[in-house]
Each structure stands twice: as C-alpha cells, then as structure tokens.
Amino acid sequence: MTSPDTGPFLEPSDIKVERRTGHGCWVAVALGSQTGTLFTDLVGAERTLGAGETLAERYRVTVLSPEAGGTVEPRVALYG
C-alpha cells in the first residue's frame, strides 16, 4: 500500500492484510512502514520453488481507518 504523495501517510494500524493458508484460514500478515509505504516482511514471506513449481497466494486487504487513503501496488521479490 502506498500513501498519497502529499499525505496523510499510512500507518500499519490503518490497514489489515491477511494471507489465506492451504487450509482455507486467513492469517494476519505483519506490516512495516517506511516513508508512507506499507510492506510485509519479505524474509518471512520467502518461499523456495524448484524447477516447474508454481506458487499461488491469496491475500485480503481491509481498510480499518476511514481517513486512510492509498494505492494497492502488489510487488513480488525474487531471490536467486
């Protein structure tokens, strides 16, 4: 989630992000904040895939603060 350029800047308490487990349960994802951008802990999200393997993830984003404004910008980090 990216805050508007002119603010107000998002705080982790403004948004709830959850990831769906293989059992169909929603689990909260911890958020960090840096210069108005909310992000997840990439180390905790890291997965190792072998050749030909596919990873499908489902996320749910809930806005908790009526004053919160921003843009959802999904990003993926690939590790080599």
Protein backbone atom coordinates (compact mmCIF):
# COMPACT_ATOMS: atom_id res chain seq x y z
CA MET A 1 0.00 0.00 0.00
CA THR A 2 1.38 3.38 -0.98
CA SER A 3 0.24 6.63 0.66
CA PRO A 4 -0.73 9.69 -1.40
CA ASP A 5 2.32 11.82 -2.28
CA THR A 6 1.08 14.73 -0.17
CA GLY A 7 -0.05 12.57 2.77
CA PRO A 8 -1.52 11.73 5.11
CA PHE A 9 0.85 8.78 5.30
CA LEU A 10 -0.48 5.32 6.08
CA GLU A 11 0.33 3.56 9.34
CA PRO A 12 0.24 -0.23 9.82
CA SER A 13 -2.84 0.25 12.05
CA ASP A 14 -4.77 1.74 9.08
CA ILE A 15 -4.77 -1.48 7.04
CA LYS A 16 -5.14 -5.19 7.76
CA VAL A 17 -3.52 -7.65 5.34
CA GLU A 18 -4.24 -11.37 5.61
CA ARG A 19 -2.91 -14.38 3.70
CA ARG A 20 -5.00 -17.47 3.05
CA THR A 21 -3.42 -20.70 4.24
CA GLY A 22 -3.60 -24.04 2.46
CA HIS A 23 -6.35 -24.99 4.94
CA GLY A 24 -8.52 -22.01 3.95
CA CYS A 25 -7.89 -19.93 7.09
CA TRP A 26 -6.97 -16.23 6.95
CA VAL A 27 -3.78 -15.37 8.86
CA ALA A 28 -2.70 -11.80 9.61
CA VAL A 29 0.46 -10.57 7.86
CA ALA A 30 2.70 -8.24 9.86
CA LEU A 31 3.17 -4.84 8.19
CA GLY A 32 6.04 -2.39 8.36
CA SER A 33 6.08 1.25 7.28
CA GLN A 34 8.69 3.33 5.53
CA THR A 35 8.12 6.81 4.02
CA GLY A 36 4.39 6.26 3.62
CA THR A 37 4.63 2.77 2.11
CA LEU A 38 3.30 -0.27 3.98
CA PHE A 39 5.07 -3.54 3.29
CA THR A 40 5.28 -7.12 4.52
CA ASP A 41 8.37 -8.78 5.92
CA LEU A 42 9.94 -10.35 2.83
CA VAL A 43 12.14 -12.68 4.85
CA GLY A 44 9.07 -14.25 6.44
CA ALA A 45 7.31 -14.46 3.07
CA GLU A 46 10.25 -16.09 1.25
CA ARG A 47 9.46 -19.41 -0.46
CA THR A 48 11.83 -21.72 -2.34
CA LEU A 49 10.48 -23.15 -5.59
CA GLY A 50 12.04 -25.88 -7.67
CA ALA A 51 12.04 -26.02 -11.46
CA GLY A 52 8.48 -26.24 -12.80
CA GLU A 53 6.84 -25.49 -9.43
CA THR A 54 4.13 -22.84 -9.09
CA LEU A 55 3.22 -20.74 -6.08
CA ALA A 56 -0.28 -19.27 -5.80
CA GLU A 57 -1.02 -16.94 -2.87
CA ARG A 58 -4.26 -15.21 -1.90
CA TYR A 59 -4.33 -12.02 0.13
CA ARG A 60 -7.15 -9.99 1.64
CA VAL A 61 -6.72 -6.26 2.33
CA THR A 62 -9.10 -4.49 4.74
CA VAL A 63 -9.05 -0.73 5.36
CA LEU A 64 -9.55 -0.11 9.09
CA SER A 65 -9.34 3.70 9.23
CA PRO A 66 -11.93 5.86 7.44
CA GLU A 67 -9.23 8.52 6.90
CA ALA A 68 -6.80 6.09 5.24
CA GLY A 69 -6.12 6.66 1.57
CA GLY A 70 -3.65 4.95 -0.68
CA THR A 71 -2.96 2.67 -3.61
CA VAL A 72 -2.59 -1.11 -3.60
CA GLU A 73 0.58 -1.95 -5.53
CA PRO A 74 1.32 -5.69 -5.38
CA ARG A 75 5.01 -6.48 -5.72
CA VAL A 76 6.99 -9.68 -5.85
CA ALA A 77 10.58 -10.17 -4.73
CA LEU A 78 12.53 -12.93 -6.44
CA TYR A 79 15.55 -14.41 -4.70
CA GLY A 80 18.34 -16.08 -6.64
